[in-house]
Structure formats: C-alpha cells, structure tokens
Amino acid sequence: MSLTYKEIITSIVTLIGVTMLFSCQGKLSELRALDIEGDAPQAIAKGVNLKYTDSGRMVANLKSPKMKDFTNKDFPYREFPDGLEVEFFDENNEKSTVTADYGIVYEDTKLIDLQGNVVIFTADSLRLEASQLYWDQTLNWVFTDRPNKIKFPNGALNEGKGFDANQNFGNFRSRTNIGVQVIEDKKPDE
C-alpha cells in the first residue's frame, strides 16, 4: 500500500495538532495559576461573621470587616487586615472578648498573631491591653515581648514588657513589670 504525498502531509498536520492539544491540556494547571498573582489571596471575604458551635452550643463568634484567605500558599494563613473581634463562650455561656486592629492565623502552626490595640476582656473581668499578642492554640499559651497592661479580677495591676501565660492566666510569668500585686495572707490552722 502506497501513501500519497497528500496523506503523509495530512497525517503530520493531524499528529502536530493532537500533540499541541495534549501539551496545552498538560499546562492548564500552570495557566490557571497565572490567573492569581503571586501575592494575591485565593479569596477575600467582606463583612465576616463566623459562628463556631460545638454540639449545638455557641463556642465562638468571629467578626471582621475583611478576611483574606491565603490557605493556598506553601505556608497557609488567613489575614484580617482591618481588624477583628472574637467572642468566646464558656460552658456557662459566659463571654470573653478579644479585639485587635490586625490579625493573622497561621493554619499549620496554629499560631495567632494579633497586632494594634489588642484588648482581651475575660468573663471573670481580667482586662489585658497590648500592642501585639501571640496565642498558641496547640499549647493554649498566650505571650508577648511588647509592652502590656493587665488588670486582674482581684484588683492586681501589672504593667510590663513581655509575659507568658496559659490562656486562662492561671499560670502567669511577667518578664519585666511594675504594678500592684494582691497576695492573700493565709494563717496557719490552729
């Protein structure tokens, strides 16, 4: 069977066309990646009001004017560039509130970085003010190296630079501070 010149050219053109088609499909994911700029978030949400529940009970409510979702990055995170407010509710439905001018939540490390006018007001009336505060969700640990002011429910006042504490402030270690401490004087049993 002998092929004509026209059939050979048609076969070559068809082969080149199919090759180009498959090579384009292989690059489709790369082309889609070009749609999002390197530093751009994969999503932006405005007027965020997220409610977290556990077994039908409200656990937390996060509100923010804007959230940028960078969870598609190698080191995924969510950013709250215009501030945030989070209300936490305990088992007795008592509310504690955290506010900040800026926040970022790192997905892999479970670390939260709050910046600018950070204020925590707990259900038992503890009030903390700081310019920056970190919260390690895995260890349930709160810390900062920045100036801070804490007013404890018993009236004690602590102003300092840097502290480490568990998230309910039962274990509190200040690095440098001045303030008024309330110490209970226990008398030995007679």
Protein backbone atom coordinates (compact mmCIF):
# COMPACT_ATOMS: atom_id res chain seq x y z
CA MET A 1 0.00 0.00 0.00
CA SER A 2 1.48 3.24 -1.04
CA LEU A 3 0.74 6.54 0.70
CA THR A 4 0.35 9.66 -1.30
CA TYR A 5 2.13 12.89 -0.52
CA LYS A 6 -1.22 14.45 0.50
CA GLU A 7 -1.97 11.66 3.02
CA ILE A 8 1.50 11.99 4.60
CA ILE A 9 1.12 15.77 5.00
CA THR A 10 -2.40 15.33 6.44
CA SER A 11 -1.08 12.75 8.94
CA ILE A 12 1.76 15.02 10.02
CA VAL A 13 -0.58 18.01 10.44
CA THR A 14 -3.02 15.83 12.46
CA LEU A 15 -0.19 14.50 14.64
CA ILE A 16 1.11 18.02 15.31
CA GLY A 17 -2.42 19.23 16.14
CA VAL A 18 -3.04 16.37 18.61
CA THR A 19 0.37 16.92 20.21
CA MET A 20 -0.38 20.62 20.66
CA LEU A 21 -3.77 19.81 22.15
CA PHE A 22 -2.32 17.45 24.74
CA SER A 23 0.57 19.77 25.56
CA CYS A 24 -1.90 22.60 26.17
CA GLN A 25 -4.01 20.44 28.48
CA GLY A 26 -0.91 19.48 30.46
CA LYS A 27 -0.18 23.16 31.08
CA LEU A 28 -3.76 24.02 32.10
CA SER A 29 -2.93 23.99 35.83
CA GLU A 30 0.03 26.27 35.17
CA LEU A 31 -2.17 28.64 33.19
CA ARG A 32 -4.76 28.72 35.97
CA ALA A 33 -2.03 29.54 38.49
CA LEU A 34 -1.14 32.59 36.41
CA ASP A 35 -4.68 33.92 36.93
CA ILE A 36 -3.82 34.61 40.60
CA GLU A 37 -0.90 36.94 41.18
CA GLY A 38 1.89 35.56 43.36
CA ASP A 39 0.96 37.59 46.44
CA ALA A 40 -2.81 37.64 45.89
CA PRO A 41 -5.15 35.73 48.21
CA GLN A 42 -7.24 32.92 46.81
CA ALA A 43 -10.34 34.59 48.29
CA ILE A 44 -11.38 37.81 50.03
CA ALA A 45 -14.42 37.93 52.31
CA LYS A 46 -16.07 41.14 53.45
CA GLY A 47 -18.41 41.57 56.42
CA VAL A 48 -17.28 38.32 58.04
CA ASN A 49 -19.45 36.93 60.85
CA LEU A 50 -18.37 33.34 61.59
CA LYS A 51 -20.11 31.42 64.34
CA TYR A 52 -18.40 28.33 65.77
CA THR A 53 -20.59 25.78 67.51
CA ASP A 54 -19.94 22.53 69.31
CA SER A 55 -22.86 20.13 69.81
CA GLY A 56 -25.28 22.97 69.14
CA ARG A 57 -23.69 25.31 71.70
CA MET A 58 -22.10 28.59 70.55
CA VAL A 59 -18.37 28.43 71.31
CA ALA A 60 -17.06 31.49 69.43
CA ASN A 61 -18.17 34.26 67.11
CA LEU A 62 -15.60 35.98 64.89
CA LYS A 63 -16.46 39.31 63.25
CA SER A 64 -14.26 41.24 60.84
CA PRO A 65 -14.74 43.79 58.06
CA LYS A 66 -12.39 41.80 55.80
CA MET A 67 -10.62 38.44 55.67
CA LYS A 68 -8.01 37.44 53.09
CA ASP A 69 -7.54 33.71 52.56
CA PHE A 70 -4.00 32.62 51.69
CA THR A 71 -4.51 28.95 52.54
CA ASN A 72 -3.44 28.02 49.00
CA LYS A 73 0.17 29.06 49.78
CA ASP A 74 3.04 26.81 50.91
CA PHE A 75 2.71 28.32 54.41
CA PRO A 76 -1.09 28.80 54.61
CA TYR A 77 -2.69 31.60 56.62
CA ARG A 78 -5.73 33.84 56.93
CA GLU A 79 -5.30 37.57 57.38
CA PHE A 80 -7.65 40.15 58.94
CA PRO A 81 -6.16 43.45 57.71
CA ASP A 82 -8.97 45.68 59.01
CA GLY A 83 -9.17 44.19 62.48
CA LEU A 84 -11.29 41.59 64.21
CA GLU A 85 -13.44 40.89 67.24
CA VAL A 86 -13.85 37.40 68.66
CA GLU A 87 -16.32 36.47 71.38
CA PHE A 88 -15.66 33.21 73.23
CA PHE A 89 -18.37 31.47 75.26
CA ASP A 90 -17.57 29.01 78.05
CA GLU A 91 -19.70 26.09 79.27
CA ASN A 92 -21.79 28.51 81.37
CA ASN A 93 -22.32 30.75 78.32
CA GLU A 94 -20.15 33.49 79.87
CA LYS A 95 -18.46 35.66 77.26
CA SER A 96 -14.84 36.72 76.86
CA THR A 97 -13.90 39.16 74.09
CA VAL A 98 -10.72 39.73 72.06
CA THR A 99 -10.29 42.73 69.74
CA ALA A 100 -7.35 43.86 67.60
CA ASP A 101 -6.64 46.20 64.70
CA TYR A 102 -4.98 43.38 62.72
CA GLY A 103 -4.81 39.62 62.96
CA ILE A 104 -3.27 36.67 61.18
CA VAL A 105 -3.95 32.98 61.77
CA TYR A 106 -1.29 30.50 60.62
CA GLU A 107 -3.01 27.25 59.65
CA ASP A 108 -0.14 24.76 60.05
CA THR A 109 1.36 26.06 63.30
CA LYS A 110 -1.99 27.06 64.90
CA LEU A 111 -0.38 30.35 65.93
CA ILE A 112 -2.44 33.55 66.02
CA ASP A 113 -0.72 36.93 65.82
CA LEU A 114 -2.81 39.92 66.96
CA GLN A 115 -1.48 43.46 66.49
CA GLY A 116 -2.54 47.01 67.26
CA ASN A 117 -4.74 47.90 70.24
CA VAL A 118 -5.12 44.29 71.33
CA VAL A 119 -7.66 44.05 74.16
CA ILE A 120 -8.79 40.91 75.94
CA PHE A 121 -11.66 41.13 78.39
CA THR A 122 -12.49 37.83 80.08
CA ALA A 123 -15.75 36.70 81.64
CA ASP A 124 -14.18 37.00 85.12
CA SER A 125 -13.18 40.68 84.42
CA LEU A 126 -9.49 40.27 83.58
CA ARG A 127 -8.51 43.02 81.14
CA LEU A 128 -5.34 42.84 79.05
CA GLU A 129 -4.09 45.57 76.72
CA ALA A 130 -1.09 45.12 74.43
CA SER A 131 0.29 46.33 71.12
CA GLN A 132 0.91 42.74 70.00
CA LEU A 133 -0.05 39.35 71.36
CA TYR A 134 0.54 35.78 70.23
CA TRP A 135 -1.72 32.85 71.04
CA ASP A 136 -0.52 29.29 70.52
CA GLN A 137 -3.73 27.30 70.07
CA THR A 138 -1.93 23.95 70.36
CA LEU A 139 -0.34 24.72 73.74
CA ASN A 140 -3.16 27.05 74.91
CA TRP A 141 -0.46 29.61 75.64
CA VAL A 142 -0.51 33.43 75.32
CA PHE A 143 2.67 35.52 75.11
CA THR A 144 4.22 38.80 74.01
CA ASP A 145 7.53 40.68 74.13
CA ARG A 146 5.79 44.04 73.81
CA PRO A 147 4.54 46.49 76.44
CA ASN A 148 1.30 45.37 78.08
CA LYS A 149 -1.05 46.18 80.89
CA ILE A 150 -3.11 43.62 82.78
CA LYS A 151 -5.76 44.27 85.38
CA PHE A 152 -6.67 41.09 87.26
CA PRO A 153 -10.12 40.44 88.74
CA ASN A 154 -8.72 40.66 92.31
CA GLY A 155 -7.54 44.25 91.70
CA ALA A 156 -3.90 43.46 90.95
CA LEU A 157 -2.36 45.56 88.21
CA ASN A 158 0.63 44.62 86.11
CA GLU A 159 2.37 46.86 83.58
CA GLY A 160 5.37 45.42 81.88
CA LYS A 161 7.19 44.39 78.78
CA GLY A 162 6.63 40.77 77.90
CA PHE A 163 4.86 37.88 79.57
CA ASP A 164 3.95 34.23 79.14
CA ALA A 165 0.70 32.75 80.44
CA ASN A 166 -1.66 29.88 79.93
CA GLN A 167 -4.82 31.06 78.20
CA ASN A 168 -6.83 31.43 81.43
CA PHE A 169 -3.92 33.36 83.07
CA GLY A 170 -3.75 30.88 85.96
CA ASN A 171 -0.02 30.44 85.25
CA PHE A 172 1.35 33.93 84.56
CA ARG A 173 5.02 34.90 84.22
CA SER A 174 5.95 38.53 83.63
CA ARG A 175 9.40 39.36 82.27
CA THR A 176 9.68 42.95 83.49
CA ASN A 177 6.92 44.71 85.32
CA ILE A 178 5.71 47.25 87.79
CA GLY A 179 2.36 47.15 89.45
CA VAL A 180 0.26 46.29 92.43
CA GLN A 181 0.03 42.65 93.42
CA VAL A 182 -2.64 41.30 95.74
CA ILE A 183 -1.30 38.46 97.88
CA GLU A 184 -3.53 36.56 100.24
CA ASP A 185 -2.05 36.13 103.70
CA LYS A 186 -3.06 32.69 104.89
CA LYS A 187 -2.82 31.99 108.61
CA PRO A 188 -1.76 28.53 109.71
CA ASP A 189 -4.54 26.38 111.14
CA GLU A 190 -4.53 26.25 114.91
